[in-house]
Amino acid sequence: MPGLAECQSLLRLLIARGDPKAIPIAKGAIDQYLNTAPVSARGRGLRVLQRDALDQHDLAVGVQRSFAETVDAYIERKLAEE
């Protein structure tokens, strides 16, 4: 899937940092993935990203956990739009 690996890597990095100021960057990465991925692959790719964010959430504490929750909620909204 085009851009999925790049998006996933960036989201992992941002979640690990847990900087709330980076939330727009995370949302932008997700939106960029959606803009470049074939329509048929978007939902599946979003679920991959969501599963990864939830896995990170399970391992995180504090601000990292909160960041992962925010990413998950944004992906959930995007899935509802698909």
PDB file of N, CA and C in Angstrom:
ATOM      1  N   MET A   1       0.843  -1.175   0.000  1.00  0.00           N
ATOM      2  CA  MET A   1       0.000   0.000   0.000  1.00  0.00           C
ATOM      3  C   MET A   1       0.890   1.240   0.000  1.00  0.00           C
ATOM      4  N   PRO A   2       0.663   2.118  -0.946  1.00  0.00           N
ATOM      5  CA  PRO A   2       1.515   3.300  -1.059  1.00  0.00           C
ATOM      6  C   PRO A   2       1.466   4.164   0.203  1.00  0.00           C
ATOM      7  N   GLY A   3       2.628   4.478   0.708  1.00  0.00           N
ATOM      8  CA  GLY A   3       2.709   5.396   1.830  1.00  0.00           C
ATOM      9  C   GLY A   3       2.354   4.823   3.177  1.00  0.00           C
ATOM     10  N   LEU A   4       1.853   3.611   3.221  1.00  0.00           N
ATOM     11  CA  LEU A   4       1.421   3.047   4.503  1.00  0.00           C
ATOM     12  C   LEU A   4       2.603   2.860   5.448  1.00  0.00           C
ATOM     13  N   ALA A   5       3.678   2.293   4.964  1.00  0.00           N
ATOM     14  CA  ALA A   5       4.842   2.054   5.828  1.00  0.00           C
ATOM     15  C   ALA A   5       5.419   3.358   6.353  1.00  0.00           C
ATOM     16  N   GLU A   6       5.472   4.367   5.499  1.00  0.00           N
ATOM     17  CA  GLU A   6       5.985   5.669   5.923  1.00  0.00           C
ATOM     18  C   GLU A   6       5.090   6.289   6.983  1.00  0.00           C
ATOM     19  N   CYS A   7       3.801   6.220   6.766  1.00  0.00           N
ATOM     20  CA  CYS A   7       2.840   6.764   7.734  1.00  0.00           C
ATOM     21  C   CYS A   7       2.947   6.026   9.058  1.00  0.00           C
ATOM     22  N   GLN A   8       3.017   4.720   8.995  1.00  0.00           N
ATOM     23  CA  GLN A   8       3.115   3.902  10.197  1.00  0.00           C
ATOM     24  C   GLN A   8       4.390   4.229  10.980  1.00  0.00           C
ATOM     25  N   SER A   9       5.499   4.370  10.284  1.00  0.00           N
ATOM     26  CA  SER A   9       6.763   4.699  10.950  1.00  0.00           C
ATOM     27  C   SER A   9       6.692   6.063  11.631  1.00  0.00           C
ATOM     28  N   LEU A  10       6.123   7.036  10.931  1.00  0.00           N
ATOM     29  CA  LEU A  10       6.004   8.370  11.510  1.00  0.00           C
ATOM     30  C   LEU A  10       5.084   8.357  12.722  1.00  0.00           C
ATOM     31  N   LEU A  11       3.952   7.668  12.624  1.00  0.00           N
ATOM     32  CA  LEU A  11       3.031   7.608  13.761  1.00  0.00           C
ATOM     33  C   LEU A  11       3.689   6.944  14.972  1.00  0.00           C
ATOM     34  N   ARG A  12       4.461   5.892  14.741  1.00  0.00           N
ATOM     35  CA  ARG A  12       5.163   5.238  15.847  1.00  0.00           C
ATOM     36  C   ARG A  12       6.119   6.208  16.530  1.00  0.00           C
ATOM     37  N   LEU A  13       6.855   6.953  15.729  1.00  0.00           N
ATOM     38  CA  LEU A  13       7.800   7.923  16.271  1.00  0.00           C
ATOM     39  C   LEU A  13       7.077   8.999  17.075  1.00  0.00           C
ATOM     40  N   LEU A  14       5.995   9.524  16.511  1.00  0.00           N
ATOM     41  CA  LEU A  14       5.249  10.581  17.188  1.00  0.00           C
ATOM     42  C   LEU A  14       4.606  10.087  18.479  1.00  0.00           C
ATOM     43  N   ILE A  15       4.079   8.874  18.456  1.00  0.00           N
ATOM     44  CA  ILE A  15       3.486   8.309  19.676  1.00  0.00           C
ATOM     45  C   ILE A  15       4.562   8.127  20.725  1.00  0.00           C
ATOM     46  N   ALA A  16       5.729   7.641  20.329  1.00  0.00           N
ATOM     47  CA  ALA A  16       6.828   7.437  21.276  1.00  0.00           C
ATOM     48  C   ALA A  16       7.250   8.757  21.928  1.00  0.00           C
ATOM     49  N   ARG A  17       7.216   9.820  21.158  1.00  0.00           N
ATOM     50  CA  ARG A  17       7.572  11.134  21.708  1.00  0.00           C
ATOM     51  C   ARG A  17       6.452  11.692  22.584  1.00  0.00           C
ATOM     52  N   GLY A  18       5.215  11.479  22.163  1.00  0.00           N
ATOM     53  CA  GLY A  18       4.068  11.909  22.954  1.00  0.00           C
ATOM     54  C   GLY A  18       3.876  13.405  23.059  1.00  0.00           C
ATOM     55  N   ASP A  19       4.421  14.167  22.132  1.00  0.00           N
ATOM     56  CA  ASP A  19       4.308  15.628  22.173  1.00  0.00           C
ATOM     57  C   ASP A  19       2.957  16.061  21.613  1.00  0.00           C
ATOM     58  N   PRO A  20       2.093  16.628  22.456  1.00  0.00           N
ATOM     59  CA  PRO A  20       0.764  17.038  21.978  1.00  0.00           C
ATOM     60  C   PRO A  20       0.816  18.036  20.819  1.00  0.00           C
ATOM     61  N   LYS A  21       1.901  18.782  20.716  1.00  0.00           N
ATOM     62  CA  LYS A  21       2.030  19.743  19.619  1.00  0.00           C
ATOM     63  C   LYS A  21       2.202  19.041  18.276  1.00  0.00           C
ATOM     64  N   ALA A  22       2.508  17.746  18.297  1.00  0.00           N
ATOM     65  CA  ALA A  22       2.720  16.987  17.064  1.00  0.00           C
ATOM     66  C   ALA A  22       1.446  16.309  16.566  1.00  0.00           C
ATOM     67  N   ILE A  23       0.341  16.501  17.247  1.00  0.00           N
ATOM     68  CA  ILE A  23      -0.914  15.878  16.803  1.00  0.00           C
ATOM     69  C   ILE A  23      -1.282  16.313  15.378  1.00  0.00           C
ATOM     70  N   PRO A  24      -1.136  17.594  15.021  1.00  0.00           N
ATOM     71  CA  PRO A  24      -1.431  17.957  13.627  1.00  0.00           C
ATOM     72  C   PRO A  24      -0.538  17.228  12.619  1.00  0.00           C
ATOM     73  N   ILE A  25       0.692  16.931  12.996  1.00  0.00           N
ATOM     74  CA  ILE A  25       1.585  16.193  12.105  1.00  0.00           C
ATOM     75  C   ILE A  25       1.058  14.771  11.908  1.00  0.00           C
ATOM     76  N   ALA A  26       0.607  14.150  12.992  1.00  0.00           N
ATOM     77  CA  ALA A  26       0.055  12.798  12.909  1.00  0.00           C
ATOM     78  C   ALA A  26      -1.198  12.779  12.037  1.00  0.00           C
ATOM     79  N   LYS A  27      -2.076  13.738  12.245  1.00  0.00           N
ATOM     80  CA  LYS A  27      -3.287  13.811  11.430  1.00  0.00           C
ATOM     81  C   LYS A  27      -2.942  14.062   9.967  1.00  0.00           C
ATOM     82  N   GLY A  28      -1.952  14.905   9.740  1.00  0.00           N
ATOM     83  CA  GLY A  28      -1.520  15.185   8.374  1.00  0.00           C
ATOM     84  C   GLY A  28      -0.958  13.951   7.692  1.00  0.00           C
ATOM     85  N   ALA A  29      -0.214  13.136   8.438  1.00  0.00           N
ATOM     86  CA  ALA A  29       0.342  11.902   7.874  1.00  0.00           C
ATOM     87  C   ALA A  29      -0.775  10.940   7.481  1.00  0.00           C
ATOM     88  N   ILE A  30      -1.784  10.840   8.327  1.00  0.00           N
ATOM     89  CA  ILE A  30      -2.928   9.973   8.027  1.00  0.00           C
ATOM     90  C   ILE A  30      -3.673  10.491   6.802  1.00  0.00           C
ATOM     91  N   ASP A  31      -3.896  11.797   6.768  1.00  0.00           N
ATOM     92  CA  ASP A  31      -4.589  12.391   5.612  1.00  0.00           C
ATOM     93  C   ASP A  31      -3.785  12.206   4.332  1.00  0.00           C
ATOM     94  N   GLN A  32      -2.465  12.362   4.422  1.00  0.00           N
ATOM     95  CA  GLN A  32      -1.618  12.177   3.241  1.00  0.00           C
ATOM     96  C   GLN A  32      -1.697  10.729   2.759  1.00  0.00           C
ATOM     97  N   TYR A  33      -1.682   9.790   3.694  1.00  0.00           N
ATOM     98  CA  TYR A  33      -1.844   8.390   3.303  1.00  0.00           C
ATOM     99  C   TYR A  33      -3.169   8.211   2.549  1.00  0.00           C
ATOM    100  N   LEU A  34      -4.239   8.758   3.100  1.00  0.00           N
ATOM    101  CA  LEU A  34      -5.550   8.609   2.465  1.00  0.00           C
ATOM    102  C   LEU A  34      -5.590   9.254   1.087  1.00  0.00           C
ATOM    103  N   ASN A  35      -4.881  10.355   0.929  1.00  0.00           N
ATOM    104  CA  ASN A  35      -4.872  11.054  -0.359  1.00  0.00           C
ATOM    105  C   ASN A  35      -4.076  10.315  -1.428  1.00  0.00           C
ATOM    106  N   THR A  36      -3.140   9.469  -1.008  1.00  0.00           N
ATOM    107  CA  THR A  36      -2.296   8.783  -1.981  1.00  0.00           C
ATOM    108  C   THR A  36      -2.665   7.309  -2.178  1.00  0.00           C
ATOM    109  N   ALA A  37      -3.360   6.733  -1.226  1.00  0.00           N
ATOM    110  CA  ALA A  37      -3.703   5.310  -1.314  1.00  0.00           C
ATOM    111  C   ALA A  37      -4.880   5.098  -2.270  1.00  0.00           C
ATOM    112  N   PRO A  38      -4.874   3.976  -2.973  1.00  0.00           N
ATOM    113  CA  PRO A  38      -6.045   3.644  -3.793  1.00  0.00           C
ATOM    114  C   PRO A  38      -7.288   3.510  -2.904  1.00  0.00           C
ATOM    115  N   VAL A  39      -8.405   3.897  -3.437  1.00  0.00           N
ATOM    116  CA  VAL A  39      -9.655   3.858  -2.680  1.00  0.00           C
ATOM    117  C   VAL A  39      -9.892   2.475  -2.080  1.00  0.00           C
ATOM    118  N   SER A  40      -9.582   1.435  -2.838  1.00  0.00           N
ATOM    119  CA  SER A  40      -9.836   0.072  -2.374  1.00  0.00           C
ATOM    120  C   SER A  40      -8.945  -0.332  -1.200  1.00  0.00           C
ATOM    121  N   ALA A  41      -7.856   0.377  -0.978  1.00  0.00           N
ATOM    122  CA  ALA A  41      -6.915   0.014   0.087  1.00  0.00           C
ATOM    123  C   ALA A  41      -7.030   0.895   1.323  1.00  0.00           C
ATOM    124  N   ARG A  42      -7.790   1.959   1.253  1.00  0.00           N
ATOM    125  CA  ARG A  42      -7.826   2.930   2.362  1.00  0.00           C
ATOM    126  C   ARG A  42      -8.316   2.339   3.669  1.00  0.00           C
ATOM    127  N   GLY A  43      -9.432   1.670   3.648  1.00  0.00           N
ATOM    128  CA  GLY A  43      -9.997   1.106   4.876  1.00  0.00           C
ATOM    129  C   GLY A  43      -9.067   0.090   5.512  1.00  0.00           C
ATOM    130  N   ARG A  44      -8.524  -0.781   4.704  1.00  0.00           N
ATOM    131  CA  ARG A  44      -7.601  -1.791   5.205  1.00  0.00           C
ATOM    132  C   ARG A  44      -6.353  -1.131   5.790  1.00  0.00           C
ATOM    133  N   GLY A  45      -5.824  -0.131   5.098  1.00  0.00           N
ATOM    134  CA  GLY A  45      -4.649   0.585   5.592  1.00  0.00           C
ATOM    135  C   GLY A  45      -4.929   1.311   6.895  1.00  0.00           C
ATOM    136  N   LEU A  46      -6.095   1.935   6.987  1.00  0.00           N
ATOM    137  CA  LEU A  46      -6.462   2.615   8.237  1.00  0.00           C
ATOM    138  C   LEU A  46      -6.546   1.621   9.391  1.00  0.00           C
ATOM    139  N   ARG A  47      -7.069   0.441   9.124  1.00  0.00           N
ATOM    140  CA  ARG A  47      -7.157  -0.565  10.191  1.00  0.00           C
ATOM    141  C   ARG A  47      -5.768  -1.035  10.630  1.00  0.00           C
ATOM    142  N   VAL A  48      -4.831  -1.122   9.683  1.00  0.00           N
ATOM    143  CA  VAL A  48      -3.445  -1.472  10.029  1.00  0.00           C
ATOM    144  C   VAL A  48      -2.861  -0.387  10.932  1.00  0.00           C
ATOM    145  N   LEU A  49      -3.063   0.863  10.551  1.00  0.00           N
ATOM    146  CA  LEU A  49      -2.556   1.972  11.357  1.00  0.00           C
ATOM    147  C   LEU A  49      -3.217   2.001  12.730  1.00  0.00           C
ATOM    148  N   GLN A  50      -4.515   1.743  12.771  1.00  0.00           N
ATOM    149  CA  GLN A  50      -5.227   1.747  14.040  1.00  0.00           C
ATOM    150  C   GLN A  50      -4.746   0.625  14.955  1.00  0.00           C
ATOM    151  N   ARG A  51      -4.575  -0.564  14.403  1.00  0.00           N
ATOM    152  CA  ARG A  51      -4.089  -1.692  15.210  1.00  0.00           C
ATOM    153  C   ARG A  51      -2.705  -1.380  15.778  1.00  0.00           C
ATOM    154  N   ASP A  52      -1.865  -0.771  14.964  1.00  0.00           N
ATOM    155  CA  ASP A  52      -0.525  -0.416  15.411  1.00  0.00           C
ATOM    156  C   ASP A  52      -0.590   0.640  16.519  1.00  0.00           C
ATOM    157  N   ALA A  53      -1.443   1.631  16.361  1.00  0.00           N
ATOM    158  CA  ALA A  53      -1.596   2.663  17.394  1.00  0.00           C
ATOM    159  C   ALA A  53      -2.113   2.049  18.690  1.00  0.00           C
ATOM    160  N   LEU A  54      -3.034   1.103  18.583  1.00  0.00           N
ATOM    161  CA  LEU A  54      -3.561   0.448  19.786  1.00  0.00           C
ATOM    162  C   LEU A  54      -2.498  -0.419  20.455  1.00  0.00           C
ATOM    163  N   ASP A  55      -1.663  -1.069  19.655  1.00  0.00           N
ATOM    164  CA  ASP A  55      -0.561  -1.839  20.221  1.00  0.00           C
ATOM    165  C   ASP A  55       0.398  -0.921  20.977  1.00  0.00           C
ATOM    166  N   GLN A  56       0.688   0.229  20.385  1.00  0.00           N
ATOM    167  CA  GLN A  56       1.555   1.204  21.057  1.00  0.00           C
ATOM    168  C   GLN A  56       0.887   1.722  22.330  1.00  0.00           C
ATOM    169  N   HIS A  57      -0.410   1.925  22.266  1.00  0.00           N
ATOM    170  CA  HIS A  57      -1.180   2.394  23.420  1.00  0.00           C
ATOM    171  C   HIS A  57      -1.032   1.430  24.584  1.00  0.00           C
ATOM    172  N   ASP A  58      -1.099   0.141  24.291  1.00  0.00           N
ATOM    173  CA  ASP A  58      -0.999  -0.875  25.334  1.00  0.00           C
ATOM    174  C   ASP A  58       0.353  -0.850  26.037  1.00  0.00           C
ATOM    175  N   LEU A  59       1.390  -0.411  25.332  1.00  0.00           N
ATOM    176  CA  LEU A  59       2.738  -0.381  25.891  1.00  0.00           C
ATOM    177  C   LEU A  59       3.105   0.979  26.492  1.00  0.00           C
ATOM    178  N   ALA A  60       2.291   1.985  26.222  1.00  0.00           N
ATOM    179  CA  ALA A  60       2.644   3.352  26.587  1.00  0.00           C
ATOM    180  C   ALA A  60       2.091   3.753  27.955  1.00  0.00           C
ATOM    181  N   VAL A  61       2.638   4.846  28.451  1.00  0.00           N
ATOM    182  CA  VAL A  61       2.147   5.472  29.678  1.00  0.00           C
ATOM    183  C   VAL A  61       2.099   6.979  29.462  1.00  0.00           C
ATOM    184  N   GLY A  62       1.317   7.647  30.268  1.00  0.00           N
ATOM    185  CA  GLY A  62       1.299   9.109  30.263  1.00  0.00           C
ATOM    186  C   GLY A  62       0.965   9.729  28.926  1.00  0.00           C
ATOM    187  N   VAL A  63       1.815  10.676  28.519  1.00  0.00           N
ATOM    188  CA  VAL A  63       1.525  11.436  27.301  1.00  0.00           C
ATOM    189  C   VAL A  63       1.570  10.558  26.055  1.00  0.00           C
ATOM    190  N   GLN A  64       2.400   9.530  26.065  1.00  0.00           N
ATOM    191  CA  GLN A  64       2.442   8.630  24.908  1.00  0.00           C
ATOM    192  C   GLN A  64       1.112   7.897  24.754  1.00  0.00           C
ATOM    193  N   ARG A  65       0.557   7.488  25.878  1.00  0.00           N
ATOM    194  CA  ARG A  65      -0.734   6.792  25.863  1.00  0.00           C
ATOM    195  C   ARG A  65      -1.838   7.724  25.354  1.00  0.00           C
ATOM    196  N   SER A  66      -1.823   8.939  25.828  1.00  0.00           N
ATOM    197  CA  SER A  66      -2.811   9.925  25.399  1.00  0.00           C
ATOM    198  C   SER A  66      -2.680  10.221  23.903  1.00  0.00           C
ATOM    199  N   PHE A  67      -1.451  10.331  23.426  1.00  0.00           N
ATOM    200  CA  PHE A  67      -1.212  10.582  22.003  1.00  0.00           C
ATOM    201  C   PHE A  67      -1.758   9.419  21.177  1.00  0.00           C
ATOM    202  N   ALA A  68      -1.479   8.194  21.603  1.00  0.00           N
ATOM    203  CA  ALA A  68      -1.977   7.014  20.888  1.00  0.00           C
ATOM    204  C   ALA A  68      -3.504   7.000  20.864  1.00  0.00           C
ATOM    205  N   GLU A  69      -4.142   7.406  21.943  1.00  0.00           N
ATOM    206  CA  GLU A  69      -5.611   7.472  21.987  1.00  0.00           C
ATOM    207  C   GLU A  69      -6.132   8.501  20.988  1.00  0.00           C
ATOM    208  N   THR A  70      -5.436   9.626  20.895  1.00  0.00           N
ATOM    209  CA  THR A  70      -5.841  10.670  19.951  1.00  0.00           C
ATOM    210  C   THR A  70      -5.707  10.172  18.520  1.00  0.00           C
ATOM    211  N   VAL A  71      -4.614   9.482  18.213  1.00  0.00           N
ATOM    212  CA  VAL A  71      -4.416   8.919  16.879  1.00  0.00           C
ATOM    213  C   VAL A  71      -5.518   7.900  16.579  1.00  0.00           C
ATOM    214  N   ASP A  72      -5.807   7.046  17.542  1.00  0.00           N
ATOM    215  CA  ASP A  72      -6.857   6.034  17.363  1.00  0.00           C
ATOM    216  C   ASP A  72      -8.205   6.696  17.078  1.00  0.00           C
ATOM    217  N   ALA A  73      -8.537   7.724  17.840  1.00  0.00           N
ATOM    218  CA  ALA A  73      -9.823   8.413  17.649  1.00  0.00           C
ATOM    219  C   ALA A  73      -9.894   9.055  16.264  1.00  0.00           C
ATOM    220  N   TYR A  74      -8.804   9.630  15.807  1.00  0.00           N
ATOM    221  CA  TYR A  74      -8.789  10.256  14.480  1.00  0.00           C
ATOM    222  C   TYR A  74      -8.967   9.199  13.393  1.00  0.00           C
ATOM    223  N   ILE A  75      -8.274   8.088  13.541  1.00  0.00           N
ATOM    224  CA  ILE A  75      -8.416   7.004  12.561  1.00  0.00           C
ATOM    225  C   ILE A  75      -9.849   6.477  12.571  1.00  0.00           C
ATOM    226  N   GLU A  76     -10.434   6.339  13.741  1.00  0.00           N
ATOM    227  CA  GLU A  76     -11.821   5.868  13.848  1.00  0.00           C
ATOM    228  C   GLU A  76     -12.763   6.800  13.089  1.00  0.00           C
ATOM    229  N   ARG A  77     -12.556   8.116  13.213  1.00  0.00           N
ATOM    230  CA  ARG A  77     -13.378   9.074  12.470  1.00  0.00           C
ATOM    231  C   ARG A  77     -13.180   8.894  10.957  1.00  0.00           C
ATOM    232  N   LYS A  78     -11.946   8.691  10.549  1.00  0.00           N
ATOM    233  CA  LYS A  78     -11.664   8.508   9.126  1.00  0.00           C
ATOM    234  C   LYS A  78     -12.294   7.216   8.607  1.00  0.00           C
ATOM    235  N   LEU A  79     -12.275   6.163   9.412  1.00  0.00           N
ATOM    236  CA  LEU A  79     -12.916   4.917   9.015  1.00  0.00           C
ATOM    237  C   LEU A  79     -14.415   5.105   8.838  1.00  0.00           C
ATOM    238  N   ALA A  80     -15.025   5.898   9.706  1.00  0.00           N
ATOM    239  CA  ALA A  80     -16.455   6.150   9.607  1.00  0.00           C
ATOM    240  C   ALA A  80     -16.802   6.919   8.326  1.00  0.00           C
ATOM    241  N   GLU A  81     -15.861   7.706   7.846  1.00  0.00           N
ATOM    242  CA  GLU A  81     -16.076   8.486   6.618  1.00  0.00           C
ATOM    243  C   GLU A  81     -15.896   7.645   5.357  1.00  0.00           C
ATOM    244  N   GLU A  82     -15.187   6.527   5.468  1.00  0.00           N
ATOM    245  CA  GLU A  82     -14.903   5.703   4.289  1.00  0.00           C
ATOM    246  C   GLU A  82     -16.151   4.986   3.811  1.00  0.00           C
TER     247      GLU A  82
END
